[in-house]
Amino acid sequence: MLSQWDCLLKNIGTWEGSFTHLSAEGQEIKDTPTVITFETTQNSQAIHQVVRYLPKDQPASDIKADYTPSSLSQELIFFENGSFCRGNTQWNGLGNFVSEFGLKERDRRLRIVCLFTPTSTR
């Protein structure tokens, strides 16, 4: 059985796609092309992630994060092929409720995030 860290390492590489925001009715609100890069550092004992947003008619912007085996959250579960899920364990009505699913098959990834805020009506 692979460790959670070994399963995360299955995501190393560059992933091109987009972040698409949908309304509660399923209508596209916004689509932003992105490039996500995961690379190992420190002899595979750390991972550096860069999410590059490439909005139309605007400058690119990056969000960076670093991970180590000890920094992985218990809310985050990886599967042997690199797929993952994470999220809140309960809805409390005071903060955001988030469920995230990242599916991976060979050279393809699909990620969906369901976000409900305290002011969400649906």
PDB file of N, CA and C in Angstrom:
ATOM      1  N   MET A   1       0.845  -1.177   0.000  1.00  0.00           N
ATOM      2  CA  MET A   1       0.000   0.000   0.000  1.00  0.00           C
ATOM      3  C   MET A   1       0.891   1.241   0.000  1.00  0.00           C
ATOM      4  N   LEU A   2       0.549   2.189  -0.864  1.00  0.00           N
ATOM      5  CA  LEU A   2       1.320   3.420  -0.971  1.00  0.00           C
ATOM      6  C   LEU A   2       0.954   4.380   0.159  1.00  0.00           C
ATOM      7  N   SER A   3       1.929   5.183   0.572  1.00  0.00           N
ATOM      8  CA  SER A   3       1.657   6.223   1.565  1.00  0.00           C
ATOM      9  C   SER A   3       0.893   7.371   0.892  1.00  0.00           C
ATOM     10  N   GLN A   4       0.304   8.242   1.687  1.00  0.00           N
ATOM     11  CA  GLN A   4      -0.382   9.407   1.150  1.00  0.00           C
ATOM     12  C   GLN A   4       0.586  10.267   0.332  1.00  0.00           C
ATOM     13  N   TRP A   5       1.812  10.371   0.793  1.00  0.00           N
ATOM     14  CA  TRP A   5       2.816  11.157   0.080  1.00  0.00           C
ATOM     15  C   TRP A   5       3.107  10.540  -1.292  1.00  0.00           C
ATOM     16  N   ASP A   6       3.278   9.219  -1.338  1.00  0.00           N
ATOM     17  CA  ASP A   6       3.536   8.542  -2.611  1.00  0.00           C
ATOM     18  C   ASP A   6       2.376   8.743  -3.586  1.00  0.00           C
ATOM     19  N   CYS A   7       1.161   8.756  -3.072  1.00  0.00           N
ATOM     20  CA  CYS A   7      -0.007   8.978  -3.929  1.00  0.00           C
ATOM     21  C   CYS A   7      -0.041  10.404  -4.460  1.00  0.00           C
ATOM     22  N   LEU A   8       0.323  11.386  -3.628  1.00  0.00           N
ATOM     23  CA  LEU A   8       0.414  12.772  -4.081  1.00  0.00           C
ATOM     24  C   LEU A   8       1.474  12.910  -5.169  1.00  0.00           C
ATOM     25  N   LEU A   9       2.568  12.198  -5.044  1.00  0.00           N
ATOM     26  CA  LEU A   9       3.636  12.278  -6.045  1.00  0.00           C
ATOM     27  C   LEU A   9       3.176  11.860  -7.441  1.00  0.00           C
ATOM     28  N   LYS A  10       2.076  11.144  -7.541  1.00  0.00           N
ATOM     29  CA  LYS A  10       1.530  10.742  -8.848  1.00  0.00           C
ATOM     30  C   LYS A  10       1.036  11.951  -9.644  1.00  0.00           C
ATOM     31  N   ASN A  11       0.946  13.124  -9.004  1.00  0.00           N
ATOM     32  CA  ASN A  11       0.486  14.333  -9.670  1.00  0.00           C
ATOM     33  C   ASN A  11       1.620  15.210 -10.193  1.00  0.00           C
ATOM     34  N   ILE A  12       2.861  14.772 -10.033  1.00  0.00           N
ATOM     35  CA  ILE A  12       3.999  15.572 -10.485  1.00  0.00           C
ATOM     36  C   ILE A  12       3.888  15.793 -11.996  1.00  0.00           C
ATOM     37  N   GLY A  13       4.103  17.030 -12.396  1.00  0.00           N
ATOM     38  CA  GLY A  13       4.040  17.370 -13.816  1.00  0.00           C
ATOM     39  C   GLY A  13       3.317  18.682 -14.017  1.00  0.00           C
ATOM     40  N   THR A  14       3.006  18.953 -15.272  1.00  0.00           N
ATOM     41  CA  THR A  14       2.309  20.179 -15.653  1.00  0.00           C
ATOM     42  C   THR A  14       0.945  19.796 -16.198  1.00  0.00           C
ATOM     43  N   TRP A  15      -0.070  20.471 -15.695  1.00  0.00           N
ATOM     44  CA  TRP A  15      -1.456  20.183 -16.054  1.00  0.00           C
ATOM     45  C   TRP A  15      -2.094  21.452 -16.603  1.00  0.00           C
ATOM     46  N   GLU A  16      -2.563  21.405 -17.854  1.00  0.00           N
ATOM     47  CA  GLU A  16      -3.223  22.546 -18.477  1.00  0.00           C
ATOM     48  C   GLU A  16      -4.725  22.351 -18.437  1.00  0.00           C
ATOM     49  N   GLY A  17      -5.442  23.432 -18.155  1.00  0.00           N
ATOM     50  CA  GLY A  17      -6.896  23.337 -18.097  1.00  0.00           C
ATOM     51  C   GLY A  17      -7.502  24.694 -17.846  1.00  0.00           C
ATOM     52  N   SER A  18      -8.585  24.703 -17.085  1.00  0.00           N
ATOM     53  CA  SER A  18      -9.235  25.966 -16.749  1.00  0.00           C
ATOM     54  C   SER A  18     -10.032  25.791 -15.467  1.00  0.00           C
ATOM     55  N   PHE A  19     -10.276  26.901 -14.820  1.00  0.00           N
ATOM     56  CA  PHE A  19     -11.191  26.951 -13.696  1.00  0.00           C
ATOM     57  C   PHE A  19     -12.474  27.582 -14.225  1.00  0.00           C
ATOM     58  N   THR A  20     -13.550  26.830 -14.200  1.00  0.00           N
ATOM     59  CA  THR A  20     -14.829  27.298 -14.705  1.00  0.00           C
ATOM     60  C   THR A  20     -15.792  27.427 -13.540  1.00  0.00           C
ATOM     61  N   HIS A  21     -16.351  28.607 -13.363  1.00  0.00           N
ATOM     62  CA  HIS A  21     -17.326  28.862 -12.309  1.00  0.00           C
ATOM     63  C   HIS A  21     -18.719  28.730 -12.913  1.00  0.00           C
ATOM     64  N   LEU A  22     -19.562  27.964 -12.245  1.00  0.00           N
ATOM     65  CA  LEU A  22     -20.931  27.751 -12.700  1.00  0.00           C
ATOM     66  C   LEU A  22     -21.921  28.305 -11.690  1.00  0.00           C
ATOM     67  N   SER A  23     -23.058  28.754 -12.183  1.00  0.00           N
ATOM     68  CA  SER A  23     -24.131  29.196 -11.295  1.00  0.00           C
ATOM     69  C   SER A  23     -24.818  27.963 -10.722  1.00  0.00           C
ATOM     70  N   ALA A  24     -25.703  28.172  -9.752  1.00  0.00           N
ATOM     71  CA  ALA A  24     -26.469  27.062  -9.169  1.00  0.00           C
ATOM     72  C   ALA A  24     -27.331  26.375 -10.225  1.00  0.00           C
ATOM     73  N   GLU A  25     -27.638  27.084 -11.309  1.00  0.00           N
ATOM     74  CA  GLU A  25     -28.432  26.511 -12.390  1.00  0.00           C
ATOM     75  C   GLU A  25     -27.572  25.821 -13.443  1.00  0.00           C
ATOM     76  N   GLY A  26     -26.238  25.871 -13.271  1.00  0.00           N
ATOM     77  CA  GLY A  26     -25.330  25.213 -14.212  1.00  0.00           C
ATOM     78  C   GLY A  26     -24.867  26.081 -15.358  1.00  0.00           C
ATOM     79  N   GLN A  27     -25.152  27.363 -15.320  1.00  0.00           N
ATOM     80  CA  GLN A  27     -24.716  28.278 -16.369  1.00  0.00           C
ATOM     81  C   GLN A  27     -23.280  28.722 -16.098  1.00  0.00           C
ATOM     82  N   GLU A  28     -22.476  28.785 -17.152  1.00  0.00           N
ATOM     83  CA  GLU A  28     -21.091  29.235 -16.994  1.00  0.00           C
ATOM     84  C   GLU A  28     -21.067  30.721 -16.661  1.00  0.00           C
ATOM     85  N   ILE A  29     -20.378  31.036 -15.568  1.00  0.00           N
ATOM     86  CA  ILE A  29     -20.234  32.428 -15.137  1.00  0.00           C
ATOM     87  C   ILE A  29     -18.892  32.974 -15.603  1.00  0.00           C
ATOM     88  N   LYS A  30     -17.849  32.156 -15.457  1.00  0.00           N
ATOM     89  CA  LYS A  30     -16.492  32.615 -15.737  1.00  0.00           C
ATOM     90  C   LYS A  30     -15.624  31.408 -16.041  1.00  0.00           C
ATOM     91  N   ASP A  31     -14.722  31.548 -17.002  1.00  0.00           N
ATOM     92  CA  ASP A  31     -13.786  30.485 -17.322  1.00  0.00           C
ATOM     93  C   ASP A  31     -12.387  31.098 -17.425  1.00  0.00           C
ATOM     94  N   THR A  32     -11.459  30.583 -16.641  1.00  0.00           N
ATOM     95  CA  THR A  32     -10.101  31.110 -16.618  1.00  0.00           C
ATOM     96  C   THR A  32      -9.119  29.988 -16.950  1.00  0.00           C
ATOM     97  N   PRO A  33      -8.438  30.074 -18.104  1.00  0.00           N
ATOM     98  CA  PRO A  33      -7.416  29.073 -18.411  1.00  0.00           C
ATOM     99  C   PRO A  33      -6.331  29.064 -17.333  1.00  0.00           C
ATOM    100  N   THR A  34      -5.795  27.873 -17.041  1.00  0.00           N
ATOM    101  CA  THR A  34      -4.770  27.740 -16.000  1.00  0.00           C
ATOM    102  C   THR A  34      -3.727  26.715 -16.414  1.00  0.00           C
ATOM    103  N   VAL A  35      -2.575  26.854 -15.803  1.00  0.00           N
ATOM    104  CA  VAL A  35      -1.520  25.858 -15.888  1.00  0.00           C
ATOM    105  C   VAL A  35      -1.085  25.582 -14.451  1.00  0.00           C
ATOM    106  N   ILE A  36      -1.184  24.318 -14.046  1.00  0.00           N
ATOM    107  CA  ILE A  36      -0.794  23.928 -12.694  1.00  0.00           C
ATOM    108  C   ILE A  36       0.442  23.048 -12.803  1.00  0.00           C
ATOM    109  N   THR A  37       1.464  23.402 -12.038  1.00  0.00           N
ATOM    110  CA  THR A  37       2.714  22.649 -12.057  1.00  0.00           C
ATOM    111  C   THR A  37       3.023  22.134 -10.664  1.00  0.00           C
ATOM    112  N   PHE A  38       3.304  20.839 -10.586  1.00  0.00           N
ATOM    113  CA  PHE A  38       3.791  20.208  -9.358  1.00  0.00           C
ATOM    114  C   PHE A  38       5.202  19.724  -9.653  1.00  0.00           C
ATOM    115  N   GLU A  39       6.179  20.151  -8.848  1.00  0.00           N
ATOM    116  CA  GLU A  39       7.538  19.645  -9.024  1.00  0.00           C
ATOM    117  C   GLU A  39       8.142  19.290  -7.675  1.00  0.00           C
ATOM    118  N   THR A  40       8.945  18.236  -7.695  1.00  0.00           N
ATOM    119  CA  THR A  40       9.567  17.805  -6.451  1.00  0.00           C
ATOM    120  C   THR A  40      10.813  18.634  -6.179  1.00  0.00           C
ATOM    121  N   THR A  41      11.081  18.805  -4.904  1.00  0.00           N
ATOM    122  CA  THR A  41      12.304  19.467  -4.453  1.00  0.00           C
ATOM    123  C   THR A  41      12.850  18.646  -3.284  1.00  0.00           C
ATOM    124  N   GLN A  42      14.030  18.984  -2.859  1.00  0.00           N
ATOM    125  CA  GLN A  42      14.647  18.333  -1.690  1.00  0.00           C
ATOM    126  C   GLN A  42      14.623  16.803  -1.805  1.00  0.00           C
ATOM    127  N   ASN A  43      15.047  16.301  -2.976  1.00  0.00           N
ATOM    128  CA  ASN A  43      15.126  14.852  -3.190  1.00  0.00           C
ATOM    129  C   ASN A  43      13.774  14.161  -2.964  1.00  0.00           C
ATOM    130  N   SER A  44      12.712  14.753  -3.527  1.00  0.00           N
ATOM    131  CA  SER A  44      11.334  14.246  -3.451  1.00  0.00           C
ATOM    132  C   SER A  44      10.749  14.269  -2.044  1.00  0.00           C
ATOM    133  N   GLN A  45      11.333  15.065  -1.148  1.00  0.00           N
ATOM    134  CA  GLN A  45      10.779  15.205   0.202  1.00  0.00           C
ATOM    135  C   GLN A  45       9.946  16.479   0.345  1.00  0.00           C
ATOM    136  N   ALA A  46       9.790  17.199  -0.754  1.00  0.00           N
ATOM    137  CA  ALA A  46       8.938  18.388  -0.782  1.00  0.00           C
ATOM    138  C   ALA A  46       8.386  18.542  -2.197  1.00  0.00           C
ATOM    139  N   ILE A  47       7.248  19.208  -2.293  1.00  0.00           N
ATOM    140  CA  ILE A  47       6.624  19.487  -3.581  1.00  0.00           C
ATOM    141  C   ILE A  47       6.328  20.978  -3.639  1.00  0.00           C
ATOM    142  N   HIS A  48       6.676  21.580  -4.772  1.00  0.00           N
ATOM    143  CA  HIS A  48       6.370  22.986  -5.019  1.00  0.00           C
ATOM    144  C   HIS A  48       5.265  23.021  -6.073  1.00  0.00           C
ATOM    145  N   GLN A  49       4.177  23.739  -5.766  1.00  0.00           N
ATOM    146  CA  GLN A  49       3.044  23.852  -6.676  1.00  0.00           C
ATOM    147  C   GLN A  49       2.891  25.296  -7.111  1.00  0.00           C
ATOM    148  N   VAL A  50       2.660  25.492  -8.402  1.00  0.00           N
ATOM    149  CA  VAL A  50       2.346  26.812  -8.929  1.00  0.00           C
ATOM    150  C   VAL A  50       1.051  26.691  -9.730  1.00  0.00           C
ATOM    151  N   VAL A  51       0.077  27.509  -9.369  1.00  0.00           N
ATOM    152  CA  VAL A  51      -1.157  27.612 -10.149  1.00  0.00           C
ATOM    153  C   VAL A  51      -1.085  28.945 -10.871  1.00  0.00           C
ATOM    154  N   ARG A  52      -0.982  28.896 -12.206  1.00  0.00           N
ATOM    155  CA  ARG A  52      -0.900  30.119 -13.009  1.00  0.00           C
ATOM    156  C   ARG A  52      -2.251  30.352 -13.672  1.00  0.00           C
ATOM    157  N   TYR A  53      -2.874  31.455 -13.317  1.00  0.00           N
ATOM    158  CA  TYR A  53      -4.144  31.861 -13.912  1.00  0.00           C
ATOM    159  C   TYR A  53      -3.848  32.723 -15.133  1.00  0.00           C
ATOM    160  N   LEU A  54      -4.515  32.446 -16.232  1.00  0.00           N
ATOM    161  CA  LEU A  54      -4.277  33.153 -17.487  1.00  0.00           C
ATOM    162  C   LEU A  54      -5.581  33.769 -18.007  1.00  0.00           C
ATOM    163  N   PRO A  55      -6.126  34.740 -17.267  1.00  0.00           N
ATOM    164  CA  PRO A  55      -7.399  35.327 -17.696  1.00  0.00           C
ATOM    165  C   PRO A  55      -7.239  36.121 -18.990  1.00  0.00           C
ATOM    166  N   LYS A  56      -8.297  36.099 -19.781  1.00  0.00           N
ATOM    167  CA  LYS A  56      -8.283  36.860 -21.033  1.00  0.00           C
ATOM    168  C   LYS A  56      -8.208  38.347 -20.724  1.00  0.00           C
ATOM    169  N   ASP A  57      -7.391  39.061 -21.487  1.00  0.00           N
ATOM    170  CA  ASP A  57      -7.265  40.518 -21.378  1.00  0.00           C
ATOM    171  C   ASP A  57      -6.791  41.005 -20.017  1.00  0.00           C
ATOM    172  N   GLN A  58      -6.098  40.136 -19.269  1.00  0.00           N
ATOM    173  CA  GLN A  58      -5.532  40.531 -17.973  1.00  0.00           C
ATOM    174  C   GLN A  58      -4.179  39.861 -17.824  1.00  0.00           C
ATOM    175  N   PRO A  59      -3.323  40.426 -16.977  1.00  0.00           N
ATOM    176  CA  PRO A  59      -2.019  39.775 -16.766  1.00  0.00           C
ATOM    177  C   PRO A  59      -2.176  38.451 -16.001  1.00  0.00           C
ATOM    178  N   ALA A  60      -1.264  37.549 -16.251  1.00  0.00           N
ATOM    179  CA  ALA A  60      -1.251  36.267 -15.534  1.00  0.00           C
ATOM    180  C   ALA A  60      -0.950  36.512 -14.059  1.00  0.00           C
ATOM    181  N   SER A  61      -1.443  35.619 -13.219  1.00  0.00           N
ATOM    182  CA  SER A  61      -1.125  35.683 -11.795  1.00  0.00           C
ATOM    183  C   SER A  61      -0.883  34.272 -11.287  1.00  0.00           C
ATOM    184  N   ASP A  62      -0.007  34.166 -10.296  1.00  0.00           N
ATOM    185  CA  ASP A  62       0.378  32.869  -9.750  1.00  0.00           C
ATOM    186  C   ASP A  62       0.008  32.754  -8.278  1.00  0.00           C
ATOM    187  N   ILE A  63      -0.363  31.547  -7.889  1.00  0.00           N
ATOM    188  CA  ILE A  63      -0.492  31.173  -6.489  1.00  0.00           C
ATOM    189  C   ILE A  63       0.463  30.014  -6.276  1.00  0.00           C
ATOM    190  N   LYS A  64       1.301  30.121  -5.260  1.00  0.00           N
ATOM    191  CA  LYS A  64       2.325  29.106  -5.002  1.00  0.00           C
ATOM    192  C   LYS A  64       2.089  28.454  -3.650  1.00  0.00           C
ATOM    193  N   ALA A  65       2.428  27.177  -3.586  1.00  0.00           N
ATOM    194  CA  ALA A  65       2.306  26.444  -2.329  1.00  0.00           C
ATOM    195  C   ALA A  65       3.399  25.389  -2.275  1.00  0.00           C
ATOM    196  N   ASP A  66       3.812  25.050  -1.067  1.00  0.00           N
ATOM    197  CA  ASP A  66       4.809  24.007  -0.858  1.00  0.00           C
ATOM    198  C   ASP A  66       4.248  22.975   0.102  1.00  0.00           C
ATOM    199  N   TYR A  67       4.575  21.713  -0.164  1.00  0.00           N
ATOM    200  CA  TYR A  67       4.071  20.612   0.650  1.00  0.00           C
ATOM    201  C   TYR A  67       5.217  19.704   1.073  1.00  0.00           C
ATOM    202  N   THR A  68       5.077  19.147   2.242  1.00  0.00           N
ATOM    203  CA  THR A  68       5.975  18.104   2.741  1.00  0.00           C
ATOM    204  C   THR A  68       5.091  16.980   3.281  1.00  0.00           C
ATOM    205  N   PRO A  69       5.644  15.805   3.493  1.00  0.00           N
ATOM    206  CA  PRO A  69       4.802  14.728   4.035  1.00  0.00           C
ATOM    207  C   PRO A  69       4.078  15.119   5.331  1.00  0.00           C
ATOM    208  N   SER A  70       4.716  15.907   6.178  1.00  0.00           N
ATOM    209  CA  SER A  70       4.086  16.272   7.455  1.00  0.00           C
ATOM    210  C   SER A  70       3.068  17.403   7.318  1.00  0.00           C
ATOM    211  N   SER A  71       3.022  18.071   6.154  1.00  0.00           N
ATOM    212  CA  SER A  71       2.088  19.191   5.997  1.00  0.00           C
ATOM    213  C   SER A  71       0.746  18.781   5.406  1.00  0.00           C
ATOM    214  N   LEU A  72       0.592  17.523   5.028  1.00  0.00           N
ATOM    215  CA  LEU A  72      -0.668  17.092   4.419  1.00  0.00           C
ATOM    216  C   LEU A  72      -1.782  17.089   5.469  1.00  0.00           C
ATOM    217  N   SER A  73      -2.891  17.662   5.128  1.00  0.00           N
ATOM    218  CA  SER A  73      -4.044  17.770   6.030  1.00  0.00           C
ATOM    219  C   SER A  73      -4.756  16.435   6.166  1.00  0.00           C
ATOM    220  N   GLN A  74      -5.334  16.204   7.325  1.00  0.00           N
ATOM    221  CA  GLN A  74      -6.115  14.984   7.520  1.00  0.00           C
ATOM    222  C   GLN A  74      -7.441  15.049   6.777  1.00  0.00           C
ATOM    223  N   GLU A  75      -7.848  16.236   6.322  1.00  0.00           N
ATOM    224  CA  GLU A  75      -9.056  16.379   5.515  1.00  0.00           C
ATOM    225  C   GLU A  75      -8.817  15.965   4.068  1.00  0.00           C
ATOM    226  N   LEU A  76      -7.577  15.680   3.714  1.00  0.00           N
ATOM    227  CA  LEU A  76      -7.174  15.374   2.342  1.00  0.00           C
ATOM    228  C   LEU A  76      -6.794  13.907   2.248  1.00  0.00           C
ATOM    229  N   ILE A  77      -7.465  13.184   1.366  1.00  0.00           N
ATOM    230  CA  ILE A  77      -7.196  11.758   1.204  1.00  0.00           C
ATOM    231  C   ILE A  77      -6.801  11.494  -0.250  1.00  0.00           C
ATOM    232  N   PHE A  78      -5.661  10.853  -0.435  1.00  0.00           N
ATOM    233  CA  PHE A  78      -5.190  10.480  -1.767  1.00  0.00           C
ATOM    234  C   PHE A  78      -5.413   9.001  -2.006  1.00  0.00           C
ATOM    235  N   PHE A  79      -5.629   8.671  -3.282  1.00  0.00           N
ATOM    236  CA  PHE A  79      -5.810   7.294  -3.697  1.00  0.00           C
ATOM    237  C   PHE A  79      -4.595   6.866  -4.519  1.00  0.00           C
ATOM    238  N   GLU A  80      -4.423   5.579  -4.733  1.00  0.00           N
ATOM    239  CA  GLU A  80      -3.198   5.049  -5.320  1.00  0.00           C
ATOM    240  C   GLU A  80      -2.883   5.582  -6.710  1.00  0.00           C
ATOM    241  N   ASN A  81      -3.875   6.026  -7.468  1.00  0.00           N
ATOM    242  CA  ASN A  81      -3.592   6.564  -8.804  1.00  0.00           C
ATOM    243  C   ASN A  81      -3.341   8.073  -8.785  1.00  0.00           C
ATOM    244  N   GLY A  82      -3.368   8.704  -7.605  1.00  0.00           N
ATOM    245  CA  GLY A  82      -3.152  10.144  -7.491  1.00  0.00           C
ATOM    246  C   GLY A  82      -4.435  10.938  -7.338  1.00  0.00           C
ATOM    247  N   SER A  83      -5.588  10.306  -7.538  1.00  0.00           N
ATOM    248  CA  SER A  83      -6.870  10.990  -7.306  1.00  0.00           C
ATOM    249  C   SER A  83      -6.965  11.370  -5.828  1.00  0.00           C
ATOM    250  N   PHE A  84      -7.825  12.344  -5.523  1.00  0.00           N
ATOM    251  CA  PHE A  84      -7.948  12.762  -4.130  1.00  0.00           C
ATOM    252  C   PHE A  84      -9.334  13.300  -3.847  1.00  0.00           C
ATOM    253  N   CYS A  85      -9.637  13.422  -2.575  1.00  0.00           N
ATOM    254  CA  CYS A  85     -10.843  14.128  -2.128  1.00  0.00           C
ATOM    255  C   CYS A  85     -10.507  14.807  -0.809  1.00  0.00           C
ATOM    256  N   ARG A  86     -11.216  15.885  -0.556  1.00  0.00           N
ATOM    257  CA  ARG A  86     -11.070  16.573   0.728  1.00  0.00           C
ATOM    258  C   ARG A  86     -12.286  17.439   0.965  1.00  0.00           C
ATOM    259  N   GLY A  87     -12.448  17.814   2.202  1.00  0.00           N
ATOM    260  CA  GLY A  87     -13.554  18.703   2.516  1.00  0.00           C
ATOM    261  C   GLY A  87     -13.877  18.722   3.985  1.00  0.00           C
ATOM    262  N   ASN A  88     -14.797  19.607   4.324  1.00  0.00           N
ATOM    263  CA  ASN A  88     -15.276  19.711   5.695  1.00  0.00           C
ATOM    264  C   ASN A  88     -16.015  18.438   6.063  1.00  0.00           C
ATOM    265  N   THR A  89     -15.990  18.108   7.330  1.00  0.00           N
ATOM    266  CA  THR A  89     -16.705  16.917   7.780  1.00  0.00           C
ATOM    267  C   THR A  89     -18.144  17.212   8.142  1.00  0.00           C
ATOM    268  N   GLN A  90     -18.488  18.493   8.330  1.00  0.00           N
ATOM    269  CA  GLN A  90     -19.878  18.832   8.633  1.00  0.00           C
ATOM    270  C   GLN A  90     -20.157  20.279   8.265  1.00  0.00           C
ATOM    271  N   TRP A  91     -21.416  20.561   8.021  1.00  0.00           N
ATOM    272  CA  TRP A  91     -21.887  21.914   7.730  1.00  0.00           C
ATOM    273  C   TRP A  91     -22.258  22.573   9.050  1.00  0.00           C
ATOM    274  N   ASN A  92     -21.709  23.766   9.321  1.00  0.00           N
ATOM    275  CA  ASN A  92     -22.064  24.429  10.571  1.00  0.00           C
ATOM    276  C   ASN A  92     -22.809  25.734  10.358  1.00  0.00           C
ATOM    277  N   GLY A  93     -22.959  26.181   9.121  1.00  0.00           N
ATOM    278  CA  GLY A  93     -23.711  27.394   8.842  1.00  0.00           C
ATOM    279  C   GLY A  93     -22.966  28.683   9.124  1.00  0.00           C
ATOM    280  N   LEU A  94     -21.768  28.597   9.719  1.00  0.00           N
ATOM    281  CA  LEU A  94     -21.009  29.799  10.058  1.00  0.00           C
ATOM    282  C   LEU A  94     -19.865  30.063   9.082  1.00  0.00           C
ATOM    283  N   GLY A  95     -19.352  29.025   8.484  1.00  0.00           N
ATOM    284  CA  GLY A  95     -18.238  29.175   7.562  1.00  0.00           C
ATOM    285  C   GLY A  95     -18.535  28.474   6.249  1.00  0.00           C
ATOM    286  N   ASN A  96     -17.571  28.514   5.364  1.00  0.00           N
ATOM    287  CA  ASN A  96     -17.736  27.854   4.077  1.00  0.00           C
ATOM    288  C   ASN A  96     -17.738  26.342   4.250  1.00  0.00           C
ATOM    289  N   PHE A  97     -18.521  25.680   3.432  1.00  0.00           N
ATOM    290  CA  PHE A  97     -18.528  24.228   3.368  1.00  0.00           C
ATOM    291  C   PHE A  97     -17.983  23.865   1.996  1.00  0.00           C
ATOM    292  N   VAL A  98     -16.878  23.122   1.971  1.00  0.00           N
ATOM    293  CA  VAL A  98     -16.193  22.827   0.721  1.00  0.00           C
ATOM    294  C   VAL A  98     -15.989  21.328   0.580  1.00  0.00           C
ATOM    295  N   SER A  99     -16.312  20.821  -0.590  1.00  0.00           N
ATOM    296  CA  SER A  99     -15.971  19.454  -0.962  1.00  0.00           C
ATOM    297  C   SER A  99     -15.203  19.529  -2.267  1.00  0.00           C
ATOM    298  N   GLU A 100     -14.073  18.851  -2.334  1.00  0.00           N
ATOM    299  CA  GLU A 100     -13.236  18.888  -3.528  1.00  0.00           C
ATOM    300  C   GLU A 100     -12.905  17.460  -3.934  1.00  0.00           C
ATOM    301  N   PHE A 101     -13.056  17.201  -5.218  1.00  0.00           N
ATOM    302  CA  PHE A 101     -12.759  15.888  -5.762  1.00  0.00           C
ATOM    303  C   PHE A 101     -11.802  16.068  -6.934  1.00  0.00           C
ATOM    304  N   GLY A 102     -10.674  15.394  -6.895  1.00  0.00           N
ATOM    305  CA  GLY A 102      -9.701  15.437  -7.973  1.00  0.00           C
ATOM    306  C   GLY A 102      -9.524  14.033  -8.530  1.00  0.00           C
ATOM    307  N   LEU A 103      -9.976  13.837  -9.739  1.00  0.00           N
ATOM    308  CA  LEU A 103      -9.898  12.522 -10.362  1.00  0.00           C
ATOM    309  C   LEU A 103      -8.746  12.506 -11.359  1.00  0.00           C
ATOM    310  N   LYS A 104      -7.984  11.426 -11.367  1.00  0.00           N
ATOM    311  CA  LYS A 104      -6.823  11.327 -12.238  1.00  0.00           C
ATOM    312  C   LYS A 104      -6.834   9.974 -12.926  1.00  0.00           C
ATOM    313  N   GLU A 105      -6.620  10.001 -14.235  1.00  0.00           N
ATOM    314  CA  GLU A 105      -6.494   8.774 -15.012  1.00  0.00           C
ATOM    315  C   GLU A 105      -5.416   9.014 -16.062  1.00  0.00           C
ATOM    316  N   ARG A 106      -4.306   8.316 -15.937  1.00  0.00           N
ATOM    317  CA  ARG A 106      -3.141   8.478 -16.807  1.00  0.00           C
ATOM    318  C   ARG A 106      -2.758   9.951 -16.909  1.00  0.00           C
ATOM    319  N   ASP A 107      -2.876  10.541 -18.111  1.00  0.00           N
ATOM    320  CA  ASP A 107      -2.439  11.927 -18.297  1.00  0.00           C
ATOM    321  C   ASP A 107      -3.598  12.926 -18.248  1.00  0.00           C
ATOM    322  N   ARG A 108      -4.680  12.561 -17.600  1.00  0.00           N
ATOM    323  CA  ARG A 108      -5.841  13.438 -17.495  1.00  0.00           C
ATOM    324  C   ARG A 108      -6.218  13.660 -16.036  1.00  0.00           C
ATOM    325  N   ARG A 109      -6.643  14.889 -15.745  1.00  0.00           N
ATOM    326  CA  ARG A 109      -7.137  15.210 -14.404  1.00  0.00           C
ATOM    327  C   ARG A 109      -8.430  15.986 -14.535  1.00  0.00           C
ATOM    328  N   LEU A 110      -9.351  15.721 -13.641  1.00  0.00           N
ATOM    329  CA  LEU A 110     -10.607  16.454 -13.555  1.00  0.00           C
ATOM    330  C   LEU A 110     -10.805  16.803 -12.096  1.00  0.00           C
ATOM    331  N   ARG A 111     -11.065  18.058 -11.841  1.00  0.00           N
ATOM    332  CA  ARG A 111     -11.238  18.506 -10.465  1.00  0.00           C
ATOM    333  C   ARG A 111     -12.543  19.270 -10.372  1.00  0.00           C
ATOM    334  N   ILE A 112     -13.302  18.970  -9.339  1.00  0.00           N
ATOM    335  CA  ILE A 112     -14.539  19.709  -9.091  1.00  0.00           C
ATOM    336  C   ILE A 112     -14.539  20.143  -7.629  1.00  0.00           C
ATOM    337  N   VAL A 113     -14.927  21.385  -7.418  1.00  0.00           N
ATOM    338  CA  VAL A 113     -15.022  21.938  -6.068  1.00  0.00           C
ATOM    339  C   VAL A 113     -16.453  22.421  -5.876  1.00  0.00           C
ATOM    340  N   CYS A 114     -17.096  21.930  -4.859  1.00  0.00           N
ATOM    341  CA  CYS A 114     -18.433  22.393  -4.490  1.00  0.00           C
ATOM    342  C   CYS A 114     -18.268  23.287  -3.271  1.00  0.00           C
ATOM    343  N   LEU A 115     -18.648  24.537  -3.406  1.00  0.00           N
ATOM    344  CA  LEU A 115     -18.461  25.523  -2.347  1.00  0.00           C
ATOM    345  C   LEU A 115     -19.804  26.115  -1.969  1.00  0.00           C
ATOM    346  N   PHE A 116     -20.119  26.025  -0.693  1.00  0.00           N
ATOM    347  CA  PHE A 116     -21.335  26.626  -0.153  1.00  0.00           C
ATOM    348  C   PHE A 116     -20.905  27.608   0.935  1.00  0.00           C
ATOM    349  N   THR A 117     -21.367  28.833   0.816  1.00  0.00           N
ATOM    350  CA  THR A 117     -21.055  29.854   1.809  1.00  0.00           C
ATOM    351  C   THR A 117     -22.246  30.022   2.748  1.00  0.00           C
ATOM    352  N   PRO A 118     -22.065  30.651   3.882  1.00  0.00           N
ATOM    353  CA  PRO A 118     -23.200  30.859   4.800  1.00  0.00           C
ATOM    354  C   PRO A 118     -24.345  31.613   4.144  1.00  0.00           C
ATOM    355  N   THR A 119     -24.072  32.367   3.085  1.00  0.00           N
ATOM    356  CA  THR A 119     -25.128  33.128   2.407  1.00  0.00           C
ATOM    357  C   THR A 119     -25.643  32.420   1.161  1.00  0.00           C
ATOM    358  N   SER A 120     -25.164  31.206   0.888  1.00  0.00           N
ATOM    359  CA  SER A 120     -25.662  30.466  -0.286  1.00  0.00           C
ATOM    360  C   SER A 120     -27.149  30.212  -0.144  1.00  0.00           C
ATOM    361  N   THR A 121     -27.856  30.382  -1.247  1.00  0.00           N
ATOM    362  CA  THR A 121     -29.295  30.129  -1.226  1.00  0.00           C
ATOM    363  C   THR A 121     -29.620  28.746  -1.791  1.00  0.00           C
ATOM    364  N   ARG A 122     -28.666  28.106  -2.452  1.00  0.00           N
ATOM    365  CA  ARG A 122     -28.881  26.768  -3.011  1.00  0.00           C
ATOM    366  C   ARG A 122     -27.671  25.917  -2.745  1.00  0.00           C
TER     367      ARG A 122
END
